[in-house]
Amino acid sequence: MHYTPKEGEIVLAIDLGTTNTCCCVYDGIDYRTIDINGTNLLPSYVWYKNDGSVVCGSAAKTAMKRRNVFVVCNSKRIIGRPYASSEVQKLNDYCGTTLVDDKGVPKFVVSDNGEMVSSTEVATEIIKEVLDQVRKAYPGKTIARAIITTPAYFNANQKSATLQAAINAGFAREQIDTLNEPTAAAICYCLENNSVDEKILVYDLGGGTFDVSLLRVHNNEFVVLGCDGDNAFGGVDIDKCVMELLMEKYEAKFGAPLVSASMEEKKKTRYNRQIQAMSEQEKIILSTTSETSVDFSELDHVLSTENNDDDQLVVTREEMEGAIRPLIDKTIITLRHLLSEAEVAAKDVDSVVIVGGSSHIPLVRETLRREFGDAKVTLGVDPSECVARGGCVSIVKGVRSQELATFSLGTSLENNEVMWIIPYHSPLPVAYTTSVMTAEDYAEQVRTNVVEGHGSTSGLVEMVTPDMVTLPMYSFTGFPRRPKGEVAFDITYTMKENGTLFITAKEKATGRVLLDSFEVTCFE
């Protein structure tokens, strides 16, 4: 249903990004992207100062280059993941500060005393900063409803952790909801281009995640026909490629590494942070020009001569594209797989909407145009702002969307097995029920985990493999103590439109409810 803010109310949507965060507000008259320190994007950097205060945004990003500071970045890539996951391990040197294992939860060290914060807590600080800016722009206004967008390929724990961050920042649970980023982008595209009946492919290459979704739009209803992606790939990885290119060219010119393996760890960390920031900046420059001169003089250890020009390297767009092309080609393989699964040919896609900061790279657009043709690849929305705007529109216009379960969900069994309950790519909302029995003699309690994967059939039992994700444990009691196998239960998994998972358990013989709509939340 449409929602019109009452007098004194506003609605808003927050696109909580890996690299930048954007917020759009509707006040009953118009949609407005919030201006934060002269720009519509808030850098997703958080600086934990020695006096206990916290600074977010551009100041934090600038401070990251200094000595002895604790600035966290790229935390969205970590949120909702266990420390042991390969995705977390790959990012150990790319989060600004040291990442440590706290009882299985990855946390950032943010003081000399070893104080730690989780990625959910970092996200909370970013959302708080956004809300402070909203209150300044709309003094005295009440936030009636809000959306926080998440990648379509986020798993249940990542979505739950993001939602928890918003609640920790001050939102009431009934006030805030989530929406998949590609769907939000499609909504914005349709609003701004008067599209009412199309098949739209959304290619969303953000700072830390990649999503591709195929949607059918008809009369204000958005049906997701398929989605695919990688929630551990994005612009950060492109920056790493550019960083490696700069370091290779530096060593070739000066005959010594830019960052030596023998360097003291604190210096190495600081220089790596500086080079990361430099790499991101050069990527942005090379997206609008054919070549750039990289100045290393701000690094106080570089090989210098009296002529400062000798500290510079010329890097061309062609060199950058050669370095990052394998990554862009990888996204096209994912895109083709999605179309194949959905049984839709490229020629039958009406529009390709490109989203995310990394979509500004010319190679991305050129590659998509080769795949779909020039006319279909649209620049009809701002790639950096359309997700927040679309999320806000979804509230106001009462847009109906039908998402898909990005992963299958099942319950863990003994012998390291899983029984799938909700199949992969089930249309949402959905509810599936399966029966299980006690696995121990005279058990007083059942304790089991939710497992995520790509199971295609409800009731199918498989071995748990390393690529599956184990989510938080749930338990129930209150049933008769009998030999194993003699007490049976009906377990129902219900997934809402926004991907929130609820679990109900009933004793099969009596129908007695033992666990009533338990909401699976993040493990942090």
Protein backbone atom coordinates (compact mmCIF):
# COMPACT_ATOMS: atom_id res chain seq x y z
CA MET A 1 0.00 0.00 0.00
CA HIS A 2 1.05 3.58 -0.60
CA TYR A 3 2.38 5.41 2.44
CA THR A 4 2.05 9.18 2.76
CA PRO A 5 3.92 10.75 5.67
CA LYS A 6 1.74 12.71 8.04
CA GLU A 7 2.51 16.28 9.01
CA GLY A 8 5.85 16.29 10.84
CA GLU A 9 6.87 12.85 9.49
CA ILE A 10 9.44 11.65 6.99
CA VAL A 11 10.39 8.27 5.55
CA LEU A 12 13.91 7.31 4.53
CA ALA A 13 16.10 4.62 3.02
CA ILE A 14 19.77 3.96 3.73
CA ASP A 15 22.10 2.26 1.27
CA LEU A 16 24.79 1.05 3.67
CA GLY A 17 27.72 0.55 1.33
CA THR A 18 31.14 -1.03 1.70
CA THR A 19 32.86 2.11 0.42
CA ASN A 20 30.17 4.81 0.68
CA THR A 21 26.78 5.16 2.33
CA CYS A 22 23.84 7.09 0.87
CA CYS A 23 20.50 8.16 2.35
CA CYS A 24 17.32 9.34 0.62
CA VAL A 25 14.42 11.04 2.44
CA TYR A 26 10.81 11.69 1.40
CA ASP A 27 9.04 14.45 3.33
CA GLY A 28 5.62 14.26 1.68
CA ILE A 29 6.66 16.58 -1.15
CA ASP A 30 9.87 15.37 -2.77
CA TYR A 31 12.68 12.84 -2.60
CA ARG A 32 15.98 14.25 -1.41
CA THR A 33 19.40 12.66 -1.10
CA ILE A 34 20.94 13.84 2.15
CA ASP A 35 23.94 16.14 1.80
CA ILE A 36 26.74 15.12 4.16
CA ASN A 37 29.62 17.59 4.35
CA GLY A 38 29.04 18.82 0.81
CA THR A 39 28.50 15.46 -0.86
CA ASN A 40 25.66 12.98 -1.21
CA LEU A 41 27.89 10.08 -0.17
CA LEU A 42 29.27 9.36 3.30
CA PRO A 43 32.53 7.37 3.11
CA SER A 44 31.96 4.17 5.15
CA TYR A 45 35.02 4.77 7.33
CA VAL A 46 34.91 4.93 11.14
CA TRP A 47 37.71 6.46 13.23
CA TYR A 48 37.93 5.40 16.88
CA LYS A 49 39.87 8.21 18.58
CA ASN A 50 42.02 7.94 21.69
CA ASP A 51 39.64 10.14 23.69
CA GLY A 52 36.82 7.63 23.16
CA SER A 53 34.96 9.64 20.53
CA VAL A 54 33.99 8.23 17.14
CA VAL A 55 34.23 10.05 13.79
CA CYS A 56 32.63 8.79 10.56
CA GLY A 57 33.03 9.76 6.93
CA SER A 58 35.56 11.90 5.08
CA ALA A 59 37.52 12.92 8.18
CA ALA A 60 37.95 9.26 9.12
CA LYS A 61 39.03 8.37 5.60
CA THR A 62 41.65 11.14 5.63
CA ALA A 63 42.88 10.16 9.10
CA MET A 64 43.53 6.63 7.89
CA LYS A 65 46.82 7.82 6.33
CA ARG A 66 48.20 9.01 9.68
CA ARG A 67 50.39 7.22 12.18
CA ASN A 68 48.88 5.44 15.19
CA VAL A 69 45.21 5.83 14.29
CA PHE A 70 42.44 3.26 14.40
CA VAL A 71 40.20 3.59 11.34
CA VAL A 72 37.94 0.76 10.19
CA CYS A 73 36.94 0.41 6.54
CA ASN A 74 35.38 -2.29 4.32
CA SER A 75 33.48 -3.62 7.34
CA LYS A 76 30.45 -4.55 5.23
CA ARG A 77 32.53 -7.36 3.73
CA ILE A 78 32.95 -8.78 7.25
CA ILE A 79 29.46 -8.30 8.67
CA GLY A 80 27.67 -11.49 9.64
CA ARG A 81 30.60 -13.77 8.80
CA PRO A 82 32.56 -16.05 11.15
CA TYR A 83 36.24 -15.27 11.62
CA ALA A 84 37.29 -18.63 10.18
CA SER A 85 35.63 -17.98 6.82
CA SER A 86 37.95 -17.64 3.84
CA GLU A 87 36.28 -14.34 2.91
CA VAL A 88 37.34 -12.78 6.24
CA GLN A 89 40.87 -14.15 5.99
CA LYS A 90 41.34 -12.58 2.54
CA LEU A 91 40.49 -9.14 3.95
CA ASN A 92 42.82 -9.22 6.94
CA ASP A 93 45.07 -6.50 5.48
CA TYR A 94 42.32 -4.40 3.90
CA CYS A 95 40.19 -3.23 6.82
CA GLY A 96 42.33 -0.38 8.06
CA THR A 97 43.06 -1.89 11.47
CA THR A 98 43.93 -5.29 12.87
CA LEU A 99 41.28 -8.00 12.62
CA VAL A 100 41.18 -10.57 15.44
CA ASP A 101 39.21 -13.67 16.43
CA ASP A 102 36.90 -13.12 19.42
CA LYS A 103 35.22 -16.49 20.10
CA GLY A 104 34.65 -17.06 16.40
CA VAL A 105 33.51 -13.50 15.69
CA PRO A 106 35.82 -11.23 13.65
CA LYS A 107 36.48 -7.98 15.48
CA PHE A 108 38.55 -4.86 14.80
CA VAL A 109 41.14 -3.64 17.29
CA VAL A 110 40.41 0.05 17.89
CA SER A 111 42.75 1.13 20.70
CA ASP A 112 46.23 0.58 22.07
CA ASN A 113 44.55 -1.19 24.99
CA GLY A 114 43.15 -3.84 22.68
CA GLU A 115 39.52 -2.70 22.69
CA MET A 116 37.53 -4.41 19.98
CA VAL A 117 34.38 -3.72 17.96
CA SER A 118 32.41 -5.97 15.63
CA SER A 119 31.39 -5.12 12.08
CA THR A 120 27.80 -4.74 13.31
CA GLU A 121 28.98 -2.11 15.80
CA VAL A 122 30.89 -0.32 13.02
CA ALA A 123 27.74 -0.31 10.88
CA THR A 124 25.80 1.09 13.83
CA GLU A 125 28.17 4.08 14.01
CA ILE A 126 27.73 4.79 10.28
CA ILE A 127 23.94 4.63 10.56
CA LYS A 128 24.03 6.91 13.63
CA GLU A 129 25.99 9.46 11.61
CA VAL A 130 23.42 9.29 8.81
CA LEU A 131 20.59 9.81 11.30
CA ASP A 132 22.39 12.82 12.82
CA GLN A 133 22.60 14.38 9.35
CA VAL A 134 18.91 13.62 8.68
CA ARG A 135 17.90 15.31 11.94
CA LYS A 136 19.94 18.39 10.99
CA ALA A 137 18.26 18.53 7.58
CA TYR A 138 14.76 17.88 9.00
CA PRO A 139 14.73 19.34 12.54
CA GLY A 140 11.76 18.25 14.61
CA LYS A 141 10.63 15.63 12.07
CA THR A 142 9.82 12.06 13.11
CA ILE A 143 10.97 9.08 11.05
CA ALA A 144 7.79 7.10 10.41
CA ARG A 145 9.25 4.25 8.37
CA ALA A 146 12.67 3.29 7.06
CA ILE A 147 14.40 0.83 4.74
CA ILE A 148 17.98 -0.37 4.91
CA THR A 149 19.11 -2.05 1.71
CA THR A 150 21.25 -5.19 1.55
CA PRO A 151 22.92 -7.11 -1.28
CA ALA A 152 20.66 -9.75 -2.81
CA TYR A 153 23.41 -12.30 -2.26
CA PHE A 154 23.79 -11.61 1.46
CA ASN A 155 23.02 -14.70 3.52
CA ALA A 156 20.49 -14.71 6.36
CA ASN A 157 23.09 -13.93 9.02
CA GLN A 158 24.50 -10.98 7.06
CA LYS A 159 21.02 -9.51 6.56
CA SER A 160 20.15 -10.08 10.21
CA ALA A 161 23.39 -8.40 11.35
CA THR A 162 22.69 -5.38 9.13
CA LEU A 163 19.17 -5.09 10.51
CA GLN A 164 20.53 -5.38 14.05
CA ALA A 165 22.96 -2.53 13.35
CA ALA A 166 20.02 -0.31 12.38
CA ILE A 167 18.14 -1.27 15.54
CA ASN A 168 21.23 -0.56 17.66
CA ALA A 169 21.44 2.87 16.00
CA GLY A 170 17.99 3.76 17.32
CA PHE A 171 15.36 2.30 15.00
CA ALA A 172 12.51 0.28 16.49
CA ARG A 173 12.12 -3.17 14.94
CA GLU A 174 8.65 -2.35 13.58
CA GLN A 175 9.98 0.89 12.09
CA ILE A 176 12.76 -0.59 9.93
CA ASP A 177 12.77 -3.18 7.14
CA THR A 178 15.22 -4.43 4.52
CA LEU A 179 15.10 -4.46 0.73
CA ASN A 180 17.49 -6.07 -1.74
CA GLU A 181 19.72 -3.52 -3.46
CA PRO A 182 19.07 -4.66 -7.06
CA THR A 183 15.31 -4.45 -6.50
CA ALA A 184 15.69 -0.94 -5.09
CA ALA A 185 17.76 0.05 -8.14
CA ALA A 186 15.11 -1.35 -10.50
CA ILE A 187 12.38 0.58 -8.67
CA CYS A 188 14.36 3.81 -9.05
CA TYR A 189 14.99 3.11 -12.75
CA CYS A 190 11.30 2.50 -13.44
CA LEU A 191 10.25 5.65 -11.58
CA GLU A 192 12.70 7.88 -13.45
CA ASN A 193 12.13 6.28 -16.88
CA ASN A 194 8.36 5.67 -16.70
CA SER A 195 8.89 1.96 -17.25
CA VAL A 196 5.81 -0.20 -16.61
CA ASP A 197 6.36 -3.50 -18.44
CA GLU A 198 9.93 -4.75 -18.90
CA LYS A 199 12.45 -7.43 -18.15
CA ILE A 200 15.26 -5.60 -16.35
CA LEU A 201 18.69 -6.92 -15.52
CA VAL A 202 20.41 -5.10 -12.65
CA TYR A 203 24.21 -5.34 -12.61
CA ASP A 204 25.32 -4.09 -9.20
CA LEU A 205 29.09 -3.87 -8.72
CA GLY A 206 29.52 -2.20 -5.36
CA GLY A 207 32.54 -1.63 -3.18
CA GLY A 208 32.42 -5.02 -1.50
CA THR A 209 29.71 -7.11 -3.15
CA PHE A 210 28.51 -8.05 -6.62
CA ASP A 211 24.86 -8.79 -7.38
CA VAL A 212 23.10 -9.47 -10.64
CA SER A 213 19.32 -9.79 -10.65
CA LEU A 214 16.75 -10.33 -13.37
CA LEU A 215 13.33 -8.81 -12.69
CA ARG A 216 10.03 -8.68 -14.52
CA VAL A 217 8.27 -5.37 -13.97
CA HIS A 218 4.54 -5.07 -14.61
CA ASN A 219 2.15 -2.46 -13.23
CA ASN A 220 4.20 -1.51 -10.17
CA GLU A 221 4.96 -5.14 -9.30
CA PHE A 222 8.56 -6.36 -9.32
CA VAL A 223 9.08 -10.11 -9.58
CA VAL A 224 12.63 -11.42 -9.25
CA LEU A 225 13.12 -14.12 -11.89
CA GLY A 226 16.63 -14.96 -10.76
CA CYS A 227 19.61 -13.65 -8.85
CA ASP A 228 23.26 -14.53 -8.55
CA GLY A 229 26.41 -12.87 -7.35
CA ASP A 230 29.32 -12.91 -4.96
CA ASN A 231 29.04 -11.30 -1.53
CA ALA A 232 32.83 -11.29 -1.20
CA PHE A 233 33.76 -9.49 -4.41
CA GLY A 234 33.57 -5.85 -5.41
CA GLY A 235 35.42 -2.59 -5.91
CA VAL A 236 37.77 -3.42 -3.02
CA ASP A 237 39.14 -6.27 -5.13
CA ILE A 238 39.56 -3.95 -8.10
CA ASP A 239 41.47 -1.56 -5.83
CA LYS A 240 43.71 -4.46 -4.81
CA CYS A 241 44.46 -5.14 -8.50
CA VAL A 242 45.31 -1.47 -9.07
CA MET A 243 47.45 -1.52 -5.93
CA GLU A 244 49.40 -4.53 -7.20
CA LEU A 245 49.87 -2.75 -10.55
CA LEU A 246 51.29 0.35 -8.84
CA MET A 247 53.63 -1.70 -6.68
CA GLU A 248 54.89 -3.70 -9.68
CA LYS A 249 55.55 -0.53 -11.70
CA TYR A 250 57.28 1.13 -8.74
CA GLU A 251 59.62 -1.81 -8.20
CA ALA A 252 60.37 -2.01 -11.94
CA LYS A 253 61.33 1.69 -11.99
CA PHE A 254 63.25 1.98 -8.71
CA GLY A 255 64.54 -1.57 -8.28
CA ALA A 256 63.15 -1.87 -4.76
CA PRO A 257 59.70 -2.84 -3.38
CA LEU A 258 57.33 -0.07 -2.36
CA VAL A 259 56.64 -1.95 0.89
CA SER A 260 59.46 -4.21 2.02
CA ALA A 261 58.74 -7.54 3.72
CA SER A 262 61.38 -6.68 6.33
CA MET A 263 59.68 -3.40 7.25
CA GLU A 264 58.45 -2.96 10.83
CA GLU A 265 54.80 -4.11 11.06
CA LYS A 266 53.28 -0.78 12.14
CA LYS A 267 54.99 1.03 9.27
CA LYS A 268 54.00 -1.67 6.83
CA THR A 269 50.36 -1.39 7.91
CA ARG A 270 50.38 2.40 7.58
CA TYR A 271 52.02 2.38 4.15
CA ASN A 272 49.63 -0.29 2.92
CA ARG A 273 46.70 1.86 4.03
CA GLN A 274 48.14 4.85 2.20
CA ILE A 275 48.72 2.85 -0.98
CA GLN A 276 45.20 1.41 -0.78
CA ALA A 277 43.75 4.92 -0.61
CA MET A 278 46.02 6.01 -3.47
CA SER A 279 44.91 3.02 -5.58
CA GLU A 280 41.23 3.83 -5.11
CA GLN A 281 41.87 7.44 -6.14
CA GLU A 282 43.83 6.45 -9.25
CA LYS A 283 41.05 4.01 -10.23
CA ILE A 284 38.56 6.89 -10.06
CA ILE A 285 40.84 9.18 -12.08
CA LEU A 286 41.42 6.52 -14.76
CA SER A 287 37.68 6.09 -15.10
CA THR A 288 37.50 9.59 -16.60
CA THR A 289 40.90 10.03 -18.26
CA SER A 290 43.29 7.92 -20.33
CA GLU A 291 46.33 8.23 -18.06
CA THR A 292 47.46 9.62 -14.72
CA SER A 293 50.69 10.42 -12.89
CA VAL A 294 50.91 8.72 -9.52
CA ASP A 295 52.82 10.75 -6.94
CA PHE A 296 54.47 8.64 -4.21
CA SER A 297 56.09 11.59 -2.42
CA GLU A 298 53.54 11.48 0.41
CA LEU A 299 55.07 8.14 1.40
CA ASP A 300 58.04 9.20 3.50
CA HIS A 301 60.09 6.10 2.74
CA VAL A 302 60.06 6.16 -1.06
CA LEU A 303 63.23 6.44 -3.09
CA SER A 304 63.46 10.18 -3.73
CA THR A 305 65.69 12.40 -5.81
CA GLU A 306 66.04 16.15 -6.04
CA ASN A 307 63.60 16.09 -8.95
CA ASN A 308 60.21 15.18 -7.47
CA ASP A 309 58.96 14.13 -10.90
CA ASP A 310 61.14 11.05 -10.54
CA ASP A 311 58.90 9.91 -7.69
CA GLN A 312 55.97 9.70 -10.09
CA LEU A 313 54.75 6.92 -12.32
CA VAL A 314 52.53 7.22 -15.36
CA VAL A 315 49.71 4.67 -15.35
CA THR A 316 47.32 4.36 -18.28
CA ARG A 317 43.70 3.29 -18.39
CA GLU A 318 44.77 0.51 -20.74
CA GLU A 319 47.16 -0.84 -18.08
CA MET A 320 44.47 -0.68 -15.41
CA GLU A 321 41.95 -2.41 -17.65
CA GLY A 322 44.46 -5.16 -18.40
CA ALA A 323 44.92 -5.72 -14.67
CA ILE A 324 41.21 -5.78 -13.77
CA ARG A 325 39.75 -7.43 -16.89
CA PRO A 326 39.80 -10.96 -15.37
CA LEU A 327 37.64 -9.67 -12.52
CA ILE A 328 35.11 -8.03 -14.84
CA ASP A 329 35.04 -11.15 -17.03
CA LYS A 330 34.23 -13.16 -13.89
CA THR A 331 31.11 -11.05 -13.33
CA ILE A 332 29.99 -11.75 -16.91
CA ILE A 333 30.31 -15.49 -16.30
CA THR A 334 28.03 -15.07 -13.28
CA LEU A 335 25.61 -12.97 -15.34
CA ARG A 336 25.44 -15.61 -18.10
CA HIS A 337 24.83 -18.33 -15.53
CA LEU A 338 21.90 -16.34 -14.13
CA LEU A 339 20.32 -15.93 -17.57
CA SER A 340 20.81 -19.62 -18.30
CA GLU A 341 19.18 -20.63 -14.98
CA ALA A 342 16.25 -18.28 -15.64
CA GLU A 343 15.98 -19.54 -19.26
CA VAL A 344 16.09 -15.98 -20.58
CA ALA A 345 18.23 -15.02 -23.59
CA ALA A 346 20.23 -11.80 -23.58
CA LYS A 347 18.15 -10.56 -26.53
CA ASP A 348 14.99 -10.82 -24.38
CA VAL A 349 16.31 -8.47 -21.70
CA ASP A 350 14.80 -5.02 -22.26
CA SER A 351 17.14 -2.89 -20.12
CA VAL A 352 20.39 -3.35 -18.22
CA VAL A 353 20.67 -1.07 -15.19
CA ILE A 354 24.21 -0.60 -13.89
CA VAL A 355 24.60 0.18 -10.22
CA GLY A 356 27.38 0.66 -7.67
CA GLY A 357 30.44 2.91 -7.55
CA SER A 358 32.60 0.51 -9.57
CA SER A 359 30.09 0.69 -12.41
CA HIS A 360 31.65 4.07 -13.28
CA ILE A 361 34.65 2.20 -14.72
CA PRO A 362 34.37 2.41 -18.54
CA LEU A 363 35.44 -1.23 -18.99
CA VAL A 364 32.32 -2.35 -17.08
CA ARG A 365 29.99 -0.49 -19.44
CA GLU A 366 31.90 -1.53 -22.55
CA THR A 367 31.77 -5.19 -21.51
CA LEU A 368 28.03 -5.06 -20.85
CA ARG A 369 27.40 -3.30 -24.18
CA ARG A 370 29.21 -6.10 -25.99
CA GLU A 371 27.00 -8.56 -24.19
CA PHE A 372 23.63 -6.83 -24.67
CA GLY A 373 24.09 -4.09 -27.27
CA ASP A 374 24.49 -0.35 -26.78
CA ALA A 375 20.81 0.52 -26.62
CA LYS A 376 19.98 -1.73 -23.66
CA VAL A 377 22.74 -0.62 -21.28
CA THR A 378 21.15 2.35 -19.61
CA LEU A 379 22.65 5.33 -17.83
CA GLY A 380 19.17 6.37 -16.73
CA VAL A 381 19.97 6.38 -13.02
CA ASP A 382 22.82 7.59 -10.83
CA PRO A 383 24.72 4.38 -9.96
CA SER A 384 25.73 5.71 -6.55
CA GLU A 385 22.36 7.08 -5.41
CA CYS A 386 19.67 4.98 -7.09
CA VAL A 387 19.58 2.22 -4.46
CA ALA A 388 18.78 4.63 -1.61
CA ARG A 389 16.27 6.48 -3.78
CA GLY A 390 14.58 3.25 -4.90
CA GLY A 391 14.35 2.05 -1.30
CA CYS A 392 12.58 5.27 -0.34
CA VAL A 393 10.22 5.03 -3.32
CA SER A 394 9.31 1.46 -2.33
CA ILE A 395 7.83 2.77 0.93
CA VAL A 396 5.99 5.73 -0.54
CA LYS A 397 4.59 3.99 -3.62
CA GLY A 398 3.82 0.73 -1.84
CA VAL A 399 5.76 -1.20 -4.45
CA ARG A 400 5.11 -4.93 -4.47
CA SER A 401 8.17 -7.07 -4.91
CA GLN A 402 8.63 -10.82 -4.91
CA GLU A 403 12.16 -11.88 -4.06
CA LEU A 404 13.83 -15.28 -4.19
CA ALA A 405 15.58 -17.18 -1.42
CA THR A 406 19.21 -16.60 -2.35
CA PHE A 407 20.34 -19.74 -0.52
CA SER A 408 18.72 -22.98 0.56
CA LEU A 409 18.14 -23.37 4.29
CA GLY A 410 18.20 -26.60 6.23
CA THR A 411 18.66 -28.13 9.67
CA SER A 412 21.82 -29.90 10.79
CA LEU A 413 21.61 -33.61 11.58
CA GLU A 414 23.99 -36.05 13.22
CA ASN A 415 26.96 -37.43 11.26
CA ASN A 416 27.69 -33.98 9.79
CA GLU A 417 24.60 -34.04 7.58
CA VAL A 418 22.01 -31.42 6.66
CA MET A 419 18.36 -31.83 5.68
CA TRP A 420 17.27 -29.04 3.35
CA ILE A 421 13.94 -27.43 4.22
CA ILE A 422 13.64 -24.28 2.06
CA PRO A 423 15.06 -24.95 -1.43
CA TYR A 424 17.42 -22.59 -3.21
CA HIS A 425 15.64 -19.85 -5.22
CA SER A 426 12.21 -20.43 -3.65
CA PRO A 427 9.88 -17.45 -4.30
CA LEU A 428 9.31 -15.43 -1.11
CA PRO A 429 7.43 -15.45 1.19
CA VAL A 430 7.63 -19.21 1.68
CA ALA A 431 7.11 -21.84 4.38
CA TYR A 432 8.25 -25.47 4.31
CA THR A 433 7.72 -28.16 6.93
CA THR A 434 9.72 -31.36 7.38
CA SER A 435 9.77 -34.09 10.04
CA VAL A 436 12.74 -35.09 12.19
CA MET A 437 13.16 -37.41 15.17
CA THR A 438 15.25 -37.48 18.32
CA ALA A 439 18.77 -38.72 17.64
CA GLU A 440 19.62 -39.71 21.25
CA ASP A 441 18.03 -42.00 23.84
CA TYR A 442 15.85 -40.19 26.38
CA ALA A 443 16.82 -36.73 25.11
CA GLU A 444 15.48 -33.75 27.08
CA GLN A 445 16.37 -31.13 24.50
CA VAL A 446 16.90 -30.84 20.75
CA ARG A 447 19.75 -28.52 19.72
CA THR A 448 20.51 -27.96 16.06
CA ASN A 449 21.85 -25.37 13.63
CA VAL A 450 20.48 -23.70 10.54
CA VAL A 451 22.67 -24.46 7.51
CA GLU A 452 22.81 -22.45 4.26
CA GLY A 453 23.75 -23.83 0.88
CA HIS A 454 22.37 -24.54 -2.58
CA GLY A 455 20.09 -27.53 -2.02
CA SER A 456 17.38 -27.73 -4.65
CA THR A 457 14.90 -30.12 -2.95
CA SER A 458 13.10 -29.89 0.39
CA GLY A 459 13.72 -33.01 2.49
CA LEU A 460 16.97 -33.89 0.70
CA VAL A 461 19.76 -35.01 3.07
CA GLU A 462 23.38 -34.22 2.15
CA MET A 463 26.78 -34.10 3.81
CA VAL A 464 27.77 -30.65 5.07
CA THR A 465 30.54 -29.28 2.83
CA PRO A 466 33.02 -26.42 3.44
CA ASP A 467 31.14 -24.06 1.10
CA MET A 468 28.00 -24.25 3.26
CA VAL A 469 27.41 -21.70 6.04
CA THR A 470 26.37 -22.71 9.55
CA LEU A 471 24.06 -20.16 11.17
CA PRO A 472 23.15 -19.78 14.87
CA MET A 473 21.86 -22.69 16.90
CA TYR A 474 18.24 -23.08 17.98
CA SER A 475 16.82 -25.48 20.57
CA PHE A 476 13.57 -26.65 22.12
CA THR A 477 12.42 -28.93 24.93
CA GLY A 478 9.19 -30.03 26.65
CA PHE A 479 8.67 -33.39 24.89
CA PRO A 480 8.56 -36.94 26.35
CA ARG A 481 11.88 -38.68 27.13
CA ARG A 482 11.94 -41.85 25.07
CA PRO A 483 14.41 -44.02 23.13
CA LYS A 484 15.86 -42.27 20.08
CA GLY A 485 13.63 -42.18 17.04
CA GLU A 486 10.40 -42.52 19.04
CA VAL A 487 9.65 -38.79 19.35
CA ALA A 488 9.04 -36.95 16.07
CA PHE A 489 8.76 -33.24 15.36
CA ASP A 490 7.45 -31.08 12.54
CA ILE A 491 9.95 -28.30 11.88
CA THR A 492 8.65 -25.34 9.85
CA TYR A 493 10.96 -22.75 8.30
CA THR A 494 9.16 -19.55 7.28
CA MET A 495 11.01 -16.91 5.29
CA LYS A 496 9.39 -13.49 4.92
CA GLU A 497 9.57 -11.25 1.86
CA ASN A 498 12.63 -9.48 3.28
CA GLY A 499 14.54 -12.73 3.88
CA THR A 500 13.97 -12.90 7.65
CA LEU A 501 13.80 -16.52 8.84
CA PHE A 502 11.44 -17.85 11.55
CA ILE A 503 11.39 -21.40 12.93
CA THR A 504 8.49 -23.27 14.55
CA ALA A 505 8.75 -26.76 16.07
CA LYS A 506 5.79 -28.96 17.03
CA GLU A 507 5.63 -32.38 18.62
CA LYS A 508 4.20 -34.51 15.82
CA ALA A 509 2.04 -36.80 17.98
CA THR A 510 0.23 -34.04 19.90
CA GLY A 511 0.67 -30.92 17.76
CA ARG A 512 2.05 -29.13 20.82
CA VAL A 513 4.17 -26.09 19.93
CA LEU A 514 7.68 -26.40 21.38
CA LEU A 515 9.27 -23.46 19.55
CA ASP A 516 7.04 -20.65 18.31
CA SER A 517 8.20 -18.45 15.42
CA PHE A 518 11.78 -18.17 16.64
CA GLU A 519 13.53 -15.43 14.64
CA VAL A 520 17.02 -16.38 13.51
CA THR A 521 19.30 -13.46 14.31
CA CYS A 522 23.00 -12.80 13.84
CA PHE A 523 25.57 -14.60 15.98
CA GLU A 524 27.70 -11.52 16.82
